[in-house]
Protein backbone atom coordinates (compact mmCIF):
# COMPACT_ATOMS: atom_id res chain seq x y z
CA UNK A 1 0.06 -0.02 0.01
CA UNK A 2 1.60 3.31 -1.05
CA UNK A 3 1.33 6.37 0.95
CA UNK A 4 0.27 9.40 -0.81
CA UNK A 5 1.67 12.84 -0.05
CA UNK A 6 -0.46 15.26 1.84
CA UNK A 7 -2.63 17.33 -0.47
CA UNK A 8 -2.14 20.53 1.53
CA UNK A 9 -0.49 22.72 -1.21
CA UNK A 10 -3.22 21.84 -3.90
CA UNK A 11 -5.93 22.22 -1.23
CA UNK A 12 -4.56 25.73 -0.25
CA UNK A 13 -4.43 26.66 -4.09
CA UNK A 14 -8.13 25.42 -4.53
CA UNK A 15 -9.31 27.49 -1.47
CA UNK A 16 -7.44 30.59 -2.53
CA UNK A 17 -9.04 30.22 -6.03
CA UNK A 18 -12.38 29.81 -4.47
CA UNK A 19 -12.03 32.81 -2.21
CA UNK A 20 -10.88 34.97 -5.14
CA UNK A 21 -13.73 33.89 -7.07
CA UNK A 22 -16.17 34.54 -4.18
CA UNK A 23 -14.45 38.13 -3.95
CA UNK A 24 -14.94 38.79 -7.60
CA UNK A 25 -18.73 37.85 -7.44
CA UNK A 26 -19.27 40.10 -4.43
CA UNK A 27 -17.67 42.89 -6.38
CA UNK A 28 -19.93 42.17 -9.36
CA UNK A 29 -23.08 42.03 -7.12
CA UNK A 30 -22.06 45.41 -5.48
CA UNK A 31 -21.59 46.96 -9.06
CA UNK A 32 -25.01 45.59 -10.06
CA UNK A 33 -26.63 47.10 -6.99
CA UNK A 34 -25.02 50.60 -7.66
CA UNK A 35 -25.92 50.40 -11.32
CA UNK A 36 -29.53 49.43 -10.55
CA UNK A 37 -29.81 52.27 -8.00
CA UNK A 38 -28.49 54.89 -10.37
CA UNK A 39 -30.73 53.65 -13.34
CA UNK A 40 -33.63 55.83 -14.23
CA UNK A 41 -37.07 54.58 -13.31
CA UNK A 42 -38.86 52.54 -15.84
CA UNK A 43 -42.11 53.91 -17.11
CA UNK A 44 -45.15 52.10 -15.66
CA UNK A 45 -47.10 52.22 -19.01
CA UNK A 46 -44.72 50.44 -21.28
CA UNK A 47 -46.97 50.17 -24.26
CA UNK A 48 -48.92 53.20 -25.31
CA UNK A 49 -51.21 51.01 -27.49
CA UNK A 50 -52.69 49.30 -24.53
CA UNK A 51 -52.55 52.20 -22.09
CA UNK A 52 -56.23 52.89 -21.96
CA UNK A 53 -57.56 49.23 -21.93
CA UNK A 54 -59.27 47.63 -18.91
CA UNK A 55 -59.78 44.04 -18.09
CA UNK A 56 -62.64 42.21 -19.53
CA UNK A 57 -64.49 42.54 -23.03
CA UNK A 58 -63.49 45.74 -24.79
CA UNK A 59 -65.84 48.13 -26.77
CA UNK A 60 -66.21 47.58 -30.48
CA UNK A 61 -64.24 50.12 -32.62
CA UNK A 62 -66.39 52.83 -34.28
CA UNK A 63 -66.14 51.54 -37.68
CA UNK A 64 -67.21 48.00 -36.64
CA UNK A 65 -70.17 49.50 -34.61
CA UNK A 66 -71.33 51.48 -37.64
CA UNK A 67 -71.09 48.41 -39.84
CA UNK A 68 -73.33 46.25 -37.44
CA UNK A 69 -75.92 49.17 -37.16
CA UNK A 70 -76.16 49.35 -40.95
CA UNK A 71 -76.54 45.58 -41.21
CA UNK A 72 -79.21 45.76 -38.45
CA UNK A 73 -80.99 48.71 -40.23
CA UNK A 74 -80.99 46.77 -43.57
CA UNK A 75 -82.37 43.59 -41.80
CA UNK A 76 -85.17 45.60 -40.10
CA UNK A 77 -86.00 47.28 -43.52
CA UNK A 78 -86.13 43.86 -45.20
CA UNK A 79 -88.43 42.42 -42.50
CA UNK A 80 -90.63 45.49 -42.71
CA UNK A 81 -90.95 45.06 -46.37
CA UNK A 82 -91.73 41.51 -46.08
CA UNK A 83 -94.51 42.24 -43.47
CA UNK A 84 -95.98 44.86 -45.72
CA UNK A 85 -96.04 42.66 -48.77
CA UNK A 86 -97.51 39.81 -46.85
CA UNK A 87 -100.42 42.04 -45.60
CA UNK A 88 -101.42 43.29 -49.07
């Protein structure tokens, strides 16, 4: 059975490397905190296209409402004409 040398030097190198990496990460985190604190506030209404919308069903656009009203008037006129021609 062979005895191995004590791994103290390699272990110390690994520990140093780990500690250096941890210090670098701490510095990066601190920089990120500073950068976030100095950044301007983001607008609350990101998209002006949807700024006035509310939850739930939305109103029909004017052009669509007008089209359906015309369709309804035409249908009523056709029914009225059919009733009048049926009575005579």
